[in-house]
Amino acid sequence: MKHRFLAAALLAALAAPVLAQSAGPMIQAPVPKEDLVPVAIDTSLGRIVVALDRGRAPVTTANFLHYVDTHRFDGQNFYRAMHVGDGGLIQGGITTDARKLFAAIAHEPTTQTGVHNVAGAISMANAGPGTAKADFFILLSDMPGLDANGPGGDANGFAAFGHVIEGMDVVKKIWSSPTSPTKGEGAMKGQMLEPQIRILKAARLDPGK
């Protein structure tokens, strides 16, 4: 599947107005409680540990954990390294067997979650809102254009749902790995890793959570 990097996303947050009594307190929306789930992604170049933000991005985190808990990332690959100046991103996911893919999930835009596409963030790739399945990317630099309503982007963007807490050196090794000058289509031409970097295993570090 091709994944775009200027996306579109559903922004539906309808809140009914609250009429407060003059003597009553102001009613404020609750702030999501931080609930981070650590996941280790062991690759042929070393370990990356990400903390998934289940409190602020519950749908996207649950989807990623579904793939982790069913071991569907094991044996897959990081297959893309995009260079933008001194930064960019690496992308991985399921490319060997479409039968390993679960149904696409609802989009959680950054304007809803408050989790942004900054250096170290992990986000879902998509081909439009509501199309994200298994492919994900990790950023090496701030890329605000990937946020919903980001500069040069669109109203939907890409759903960030956690950040790297260990192994950014491994992320950089993958990003610095050789790429094919001919593989890839459109904007992705020249960004395909050759050879691809194997994901040996992805697992929760605290299986009880």
C-alpha atoms as a PDB file:
ATOM      1  CA  MET A   1       0.000   0.000   0.000  1.00  0.00           C
ATOM      2  CA  LYS A   2       1.233   3.487  -0.736  1.00  0.00           C
ATOM      3  CA  HIS A   3       1.300   5.845   2.204  1.00  0.00           C
ATOM      4  CA  ARG A   4       1.031   9.546   1.756  1.00  0.00           C
ATOM      5  CA  PHE A   5       2.838  12.134   3.706  1.00  0.00           C
ATOM      6  CA  LEU A   6       0.400  14.982   3.295  1.00  0.00           C
ATOM      7  CA  ALA A   7      -2.813  13.476   4.588  1.00  0.00           C
ATOM      8  CA  ALA A   8      -6.367  14.347   5.254  1.00  0.00           C
ATOM      9  CA  ALA A   9      -8.267  13.550   8.494  1.00  0.00           C
ATOM     10  CA  LEU A  10     -11.652  13.703  10.146  1.00  0.00           C
ATOM     11  CA  LEU A  11     -11.865  16.437  12.757  1.00  0.00           C
ATOM     12  CA  ALA A  12     -15.168  15.830  14.545  1.00  0.00           C
ATOM     13  CA  ALA A  13     -15.309  17.125  18.077  1.00  0.00           C
ATOM     14  CA  LEU A  14     -18.801  18.312  18.833  1.00  0.00           C
ATOM     15  CA  ALA A  15     -19.391  19.546  22.333  1.00  0.00           C
ATOM     16  CA  ALA A  16     -22.831  20.576  23.562  1.00  0.00           C
ATOM     17  CA  PRO A  17     -22.751  23.991  25.223  1.00  0.00           C
ATOM     18  CA  VAL A  18     -23.103  23.926  29.000  1.00  0.00           C
ATOM     19  CA  LEU A  19     -25.299  26.548  30.629  1.00  0.00           C
ATOM     20  CA  ALA A  20     -23.909  27.141  34.091  1.00  0.00           C
ATOM     21  CA  GLN A  21     -25.832  28.831  36.884  1.00  0.00           C
ATOM     22  CA  SER A  22     -24.411  32.180  37.832  1.00  0.00           C
ATOM     23  CA  ALA A  23     -23.405  30.925  41.279  1.00  0.00           C
ATOM     24  CA  GLY A  24     -22.151  27.541  40.044  1.00  0.00           C
ATOM     25  CA  PRO A  25     -18.573  26.571  39.152  1.00  0.00           C
ATOM     26  CA  MET A  26     -17.298  26.491  35.574  1.00  0.00           C
ATOM     27  CA  ILE A  27     -17.408  23.001  34.062  1.00  0.00           C
ATOM     28  CA  GLN A  28     -14.195  22.040  32.262  1.00  0.00           C
ATOM     29  CA  ALA A  29     -13.453  19.044  30.109  1.00  0.00           C
ATOM     30  CA  PRO A  30     -11.270  16.517  31.959  1.00  0.00           C
ATOM     31  CA  VAL A  31      -7.613  16.379  30.964  1.00  0.00           C
ATOM     32  CA  PRO A  32      -6.660  12.855  29.816  1.00  0.00           C
ATOM     33  CA  LYS A  33      -4.567  11.049  32.407  1.00  0.00           C
ATOM     34  CA  GLU A  34      -1.079  10.053  31.347  1.00  0.00           C
ATOM     35  CA  ASP A  35      -0.984   6.322  30.742  1.00  0.00           C
ATOM     36  CA  LEU A  36       2.202   5.237  28.997  1.00  0.00           C
ATOM     37  CA  VAL A  37       2.791   1.697  27.757  1.00  0.00           C
ATOM     38  CA  PRO A  38       6.452   0.790  27.039  1.00  0.00           C
ATOM     39  CA  VAL A  39       7.100  -1.415  24.014  1.00  0.00           C
ATOM     40  CA  ALA A  40      10.480  -2.763  22.898  1.00  0.00           C
ATOM     41  CA  ILE A  41      11.102  -3.070  19.159  1.00  0.00           C
ATOM     42  CA  ASP A  42      14.140  -5.295  18.706  1.00  0.00           C
ATOM     43  CA  THR A  43      15.769  -4.875  15.298  1.00  0.00           C
ATOM     44  CA  SER A  44      18.791  -6.324  13.563  1.00  0.00           C
ATOM     45  CA  LEU A  45      20.593  -3.078  14.459  1.00  0.00           C
ATOM     46  CA  GLY A  46      19.541  -2.952  18.115  1.00  0.00           C
ATOM     47  CA  ARG A  47      16.620  -2.144  20.417  1.00  0.00           C
ATOM     48  CA  ILE A  48      14.219   0.788  20.252  1.00  0.00           C
ATOM     49  CA  VAL A  49      11.872   1.364  23.197  1.00  0.00           C
ATOM     50  CA  VAL A  50       8.767   3.497  22.683  1.00  0.00           C
ATOM     51  CA  ALA A  51       6.308   4.750  25.293  1.00  0.00           C
ATOM     52  CA  LEU A  52       2.813   4.632  23.793  1.00  0.00           C
ATOM     53  CA  ASP A  53       0.415   7.291  25.070  1.00  0.00           C
ATOM     54  CA  ARG A  54      -2.704   5.262  25.831  1.00  0.00           C
ATOM     55  CA  GLY A  55      -4.147   8.132  27.856  1.00  0.00           C
ATOM     56  CA  ARG A  56      -4.215  10.683  25.040  1.00  0.00           C
ATOM     57  CA  ALA A  57      -4.269   8.454  21.932  1.00  0.00           C
ATOM     58  CA  PRO A  58      -6.252   5.385  23.066  1.00  0.00           C
ATOM     59  CA  VAL A  59      -7.484   4.181  19.658  1.00  0.00           C
ATOM     60  CA  THR A  60      -4.107   4.354  17.936  1.00  0.00           C
ATOM     61  CA  THR A  61      -2.273   2.851  20.912  1.00  0.00           C
ATOM     62  CA  ALA A  62      -4.747  -0.037  21.207  1.00  0.00           C
ATOM     63  CA  ASN A  63      -4.293  -0.787  17.507  1.00  0.00           C
ATOM     64  CA  PHE A  64      -0.492  -0.862  17.755  1.00  0.00           C
ATOM     65  CA  LEU A  65      -0.638  -3.057  20.868  1.00  0.00           C
ATOM     66  CA  HIS A  66      -2.976  -5.438  19.018  1.00  0.00           C
ATOM     67  CA  TYR A  67      -0.215  -6.038  16.470  1.00  0.00           C
ATOM     68  CA  VAL A  68       2.409  -6.299  19.214  1.00  0.00           C
ATOM     69  CA  ASP A  69       0.445  -8.739  21.382  1.00  0.00           C
ATOM     70  CA  THR A  70      -0.326 -11.013  18.416  1.00  0.00           C
ATOM     71  CA  HIS A  71       3.350 -10.897  17.315  1.00  0.00           C
ATOM     72  CA  ARG A  72       2.441  -9.639  13.860  1.00  0.00           C
ATOM     73  CA  PHE A  73       5.368  -7.217  13.718  1.00  0.00           C
ATOM     74  CA  ASP A  74       7.850 -10.037  14.432  1.00  0.00           C
ATOM     75  CA  GLY A  75       9.853 -10.781  11.295  1.00  0.00           C
ATOM     76  CA  GLN A  76       8.707  -7.635   9.495  1.00  0.00           C
ATOM     77  CA  ASN A  77      10.955  -4.724   8.501  1.00  0.00           C
ATOM     78  CA  PHE A  78      11.815  -1.088   8.583  1.00  0.00           C
ATOM     79  CA  TYR A  79      11.806  -0.433   4.847  1.00  0.00           C
ATOM     80  CA  ARG A  80      12.011   3.339   4.392  1.00  0.00           C
ATOM     81  CA  ALA A  81      14.338   6.169   5.415  1.00  0.00           C
ATOM     82  CA  MET A  82      13.285   9.673   4.413  1.00  0.00           C
ATOM     83  CA  HIS A  83      15.909  12.403   4.682  1.00  0.00           C
ATOM     84  CA  VAL A  84      14.827  16.013   5.205  1.00  0.00           C
ATOM     85  CA  GLY A  85      17.899  18.125   5.909  1.00  0.00           C
ATOM     86  CA  ASP A  86      19.555  16.703   9.009  1.00  0.00           C
ATOM     87  CA  GLY A  87      16.410  14.825  10.010  1.00  0.00           C
ATOM     88  CA  GLY A  88      13.467  12.961   8.592  1.00  0.00           C
ATOM     89  CA  LEU A  89      11.936   9.625   9.517  1.00  0.00           C
ATOM     90  CA  ILE A  90      12.138   5.861   9.301  1.00  0.00           C
ATOM     91  CA  GLN A  91       9.091   3.765   8.413  1.00  0.00           C
ATOM     92  CA  GLY A  92       8.226   0.151   9.088  1.00  0.00           C
ATOM     93  CA  GLY A  93       5.276  -2.186   9.248  1.00  0.00           C
ATOM     94  CA  ILE A  94       3.779  -5.262   7.654  1.00  0.00           C
ATOM     95  CA  THR A  95       4.772  -5.758   4.033  1.00  0.00           C
ATOM     96  CA  THR A  96       5.147  -9.540   3.723  1.00  0.00           C
ATOM     97  CA  ASP A  97       1.557 -10.781   4.107  1.00  0.00           C
ATOM     98  CA  ALA A  98      -1.609  -8.685   3.848  1.00  0.00           C
ATOM     99  CA  ARG A  99      -3.466 -11.384   5.821  1.00  0.00           C
ATOM    100  CA  LYS A 100      -1.628 -10.159   8.926  1.00  0.00           C
ATOM    101  CA  LEU A 101      -3.339  -6.776   8.716  1.00  0.00           C
ATOM    102  CA  PHE A 102      -6.249  -5.873  10.963  1.00  0.00           C
ATOM    103  CA  ALA A 103      -9.022  -3.489   9.942  1.00  0.00           C
ATOM    104  CA  ALA A 104      -8.195   0.196   9.548  1.00  0.00           C
ATOM    105  CA  ILE A 105      -8.780   2.415  12.568  1.00  0.00           C
ATOM    106  CA  ALA A 106     -10.376   5.790  13.221  1.00  0.00           C
ATOM    107  CA  HIS A 107      -8.014   8.746  12.924  1.00  0.00           C
ATOM    108  CA  GLU A 108      -6.875  10.559  16.081  1.00  0.00           C
ATOM    109  CA  PRO A 109      -5.553  13.948  14.887  1.00  0.00           C
ATOM    110  CA  THR A 110      -2.918  15.833  16.831  1.00  0.00           C
ATOM    111  CA  THR A 111      -5.438  18.609  17.451  1.00  0.00           C
ATOM    112  CA  GLN A 112      -7.459  16.089  19.450  1.00  0.00           C
ATOM    113  CA  THR A 113      -4.691  14.251  21.291  1.00  0.00           C
ATOM    114  CA  GLY A 114      -2.093  16.952  21.839  1.00  0.00           C
ATOM    115  CA  VAL A 115       0.595  14.401  20.850  1.00  0.00           C
ATOM    116  CA  HIS A 116       2.676  16.035  18.124  1.00  0.00           C
ATOM    117  CA  ASN A 117       5.015  14.986  15.324  1.00  0.00           C
ATOM    118  CA  VAL A 118       8.282  16.012  16.951  1.00  0.00           C
ATOM    119  CA  ALA A 119      11.724  14.399  17.106  1.00  0.00           C
ATOM    120  CA  GLY A 120      11.399  10.953  18.651  1.00  0.00           C
ATOM    121  CA  ALA A 121       7.651  10.637  18.061  1.00  0.00           C
ATOM    122  CA  ILE A 122       6.091   7.442  16.742  1.00  0.00           C
ATOM    123  CA  SER A 123       3.134   7.989  14.390  1.00  0.00           C
ATOM    124  CA  MET A 124       0.888   5.981  12.097  1.00  0.00           C
ATOM    125  CA  ALA A 125       1.276   6.131   8.329  1.00  0.00           C
ATOM    126  CA  ASN A 126      -1.963   6.478   6.393  1.00  0.00           C
ATOM    127  CA  ALA A 127      -3.441   7.083   2.961  1.00  0.00           C
ATOM    128  CA  GLY A 128      -6.169   9.330   4.317  1.00  0.00           C
ATOM    129  CA  PRO A 129      -8.212   9.564   7.522  1.00  0.00           C
ATOM    130  CA  GLY A 130      -9.497   6.212   8.692  1.00  0.00           C
ATOM    131  CA  THR A 131      -7.024   4.159   6.620  1.00  0.00           C
ATOM    132  CA  ALA A 132      -4.178   3.528   9.102  1.00  0.00           C
ATOM    133  CA  LYS A 133      -3.495  -0.156   9.778  1.00  0.00           C
ATOM    134  CA  ALA A 134       0.004  -1.361  10.697  1.00  0.00           C
ATOM    135  CA  ASP A 135       2.599   0.890   9.063  1.00  0.00           C
ATOM    136  CA  PHE A 136       4.236   3.402  11.396  1.00  0.00           C
ATOM    137  CA  PHE A 137       7.106   5.855  11.379  1.00  0.00           C
ATOM    138  CA  ILE A 138       9.549   7.340  13.878  1.00  0.00           C
ATOM    139  CA  LEU A 139      10.746  10.921  13.488  1.00  0.00           C
ATOM    140  CA  LEU A 140      14.333  12.083  13.793  1.00  0.00           C
ATOM    141  CA  SER A 141      13.388  15.767  13.737  1.00  0.00           C
ATOM    142  CA  ASP A 142      10.400  17.996  14.409  1.00  0.00           C
ATOM    143  CA  MET A 143       8.029  17.866  11.426  1.00  0.00           C
ATOM    144  CA  PRO A 144       5.091  20.164  12.267  1.00  0.00           C
ATOM    145  CA  GLY A 145       3.766  19.822   8.717  1.00  0.00           C
ATOM    146  CA  LEU A 146       2.676  16.285   9.631  1.00  0.00           C
ATOM    147  CA  ASP A 147       0.401  17.589  12.398  1.00  0.00           C
ATOM    148  CA  ALA A 148      -3.249  18.346  11.744  1.00  0.00           C
ATOM    149  CA  ASN A 149      -3.436  21.895  10.361  1.00  0.00           C
ATOM    150  CA  GLY A 150       0.360  21.966  10.320  1.00  0.00           C
ATOM    151  CA  PRO A 151       2.303  24.332   8.052  1.00  0.00           C
ATOM    152  CA  GLY A 152       2.165  23.046   4.496  1.00  0.00           C
ATOM    153  CA  GLY A 153       0.022  20.098   5.589  1.00  0.00           C
ATOM    154  CA  ASP A 154      -3.707  19.605   5.795  1.00  0.00           C
ATOM    155  CA  ALA A 155      -6.516  19.499   8.335  1.00  0.00           C
ATOM    156  CA  ASN A 156      -5.898  15.876   9.256  1.00  0.00           C
ATOM    157  CA  GLY A 157      -2.212  15.058   9.378  1.00  0.00           C
ATOM    158  CA  PHE A 158      -0.789  11.901  10.927  1.00  0.00           C
ATOM    159  CA  ALA A 159      -1.632  10.413  14.314  1.00  0.00           C
ATOM    160  CA  ALA A 160       1.313  10.583  16.715  1.00  0.00           C
ATOM    161  CA  PHE A 161       0.778   8.285  19.682  1.00  0.00           C
ATOM    162  CA  GLY A 162       4.010   8.020  21.650  1.00  0.00           C
ATOM    163  CA  HIS A 163       7.729   8.701  21.721  1.00  0.00           C
ATOM    164  CA  VAL A 164      11.089   6.944  21.847  1.00  0.00           C
ATOM    165  CA  ILE A 165      12.482   6.631  25.371  1.00  0.00           C
ATOM    166  CA  GLU A 166      15.483   4.461  24.482  1.00  0.00           C
ATOM    167  CA  GLY A 167      17.388   3.678  21.310  1.00  0.00           C
ATOM    168  CA  MET A 168      17.411   6.891  19.273  1.00  0.00           C
ATOM    169  CA  ASP A 169      20.931   5.837  18.303  1.00  0.00           C
ATOM    170  CA  VAL A 170      19.377   2.740  16.697  1.00  0.00           C
ATOM    171  CA  VAL A 171      16.791   4.915  14.930  1.00  0.00           C
ATOM    172  CA  LYS A 172      19.668   6.975  13.516  1.00  0.00           C
ATOM    173  CA  LYS A 173      21.508   3.825  12.392  1.00  0.00           C
ATOM    174  CA  ILE A 174      18.435   2.695  10.466  1.00  0.00           C
ATOM    175  CA  TRP A 175      17.990   6.181   8.998  1.00  0.00           C
ATOM    176  CA  SER A 176      21.650   6.182   7.903  1.00  0.00           C
ATOM    177  CA  SER A 177      21.450   2.737   6.271  1.00  0.00           C
ATOM    178  CA  PRO A 178      21.829   2.349   2.479  1.00  0.00           C
ATOM    179  CA  THR A 179      18.843   3.025   0.239  1.00  0.00           C
ATOM    180  CA  SER A 180      18.101   1.954  -3.319  1.00  0.00           C
ATOM    181  CA  PRO A 181      18.386   4.793  -5.867  1.00  0.00           C
ATOM    182  CA  THR A 182      15.635   3.250  -8.001  1.00  0.00           C
ATOM    183  CA  LYS A 183      13.124   1.529  -5.712  1.00  0.00           C
ATOM    184  CA  GLY A 184      10.013   3.304  -4.476  1.00  0.00           C
ATOM    185  CA  GLU A 185       7.286   5.176  -6.299  1.00  0.00           C
ATOM    186  CA  GLY A 186       6.658   8.892  -6.543  1.00  0.00           C
ATOM    187  CA  ALA A 187       8.024  10.885  -3.615  1.00  0.00           C
ATOM    188  CA  MET A 188       9.251   7.658  -2.019  1.00  0.00           C
ATOM    189  CA  LYS A 189      11.680   6.862  -4.856  1.00  0.00           C
ATOM    190  CA  GLY A 190      15.196   6.613  -3.480  1.00  0.00           C
ATOM    191  CA  GLN A 191      13.943   6.200   0.097  1.00  0.00           C
ATOM    192  CA  MET A 192      13.619   2.409   0.203  1.00  0.00           C
ATOM    193  CA  LEU A 193      16.158   0.754   2.470  1.00  0.00           C
ATOM    194  CA  GLU A 194      18.305  -1.864   0.754  1.00  0.00           C
ATOM    195  CA  PRO A 195      18.646  -4.159   2.549  1.00  0.00           C
ATOM    196  CA  GLN A 196      15.631  -3.639   4.774  1.00  0.00           C
ATOM    197  CA  ILE A 197      16.198  -3.654   8.533  1.00  0.00           C
ATOM    198  CA  ARG A 198      14.550  -6.626  10.205  1.00  0.00           C
ATOM    199  CA  ILE A 199      12.189  -6.262  13.159  1.00  0.00           C
ATOM    200  CA  LEU A 200      13.123  -9.325  15.166  1.00  0.00           C
ATOM    201  CA  LYS A 201      10.433  -8.882  17.817  1.00  0.00           C
ATOM    202  CA  ALA A 202       8.084  -6.281  19.266  1.00  0.00           C
ATOM    203  CA  ALA A 203       6.791  -6.817  22.810  1.00  0.00           C
ATOM    204  CA  ARG A 204       5.468  -4.926  25.806  1.00  0.00           C
ATOM    205  CA  LEU A 205       8.064  -4.410  28.505  1.00  0.00           C
ATOM    206  CA  ASP A 206       5.332  -4.744  31.118  1.00  0.00           C
ATOM    207  CA  PRO A 207       3.034  -7.508  29.802  1.00  0.00           C
ATOM    208  CA  GLY A 208       0.630  -7.010  32.692  1.00  0.00           C
ATOM    209  CA  LYS A 209      -0.488  -3.573  31.511  1.00  0.00           C
END
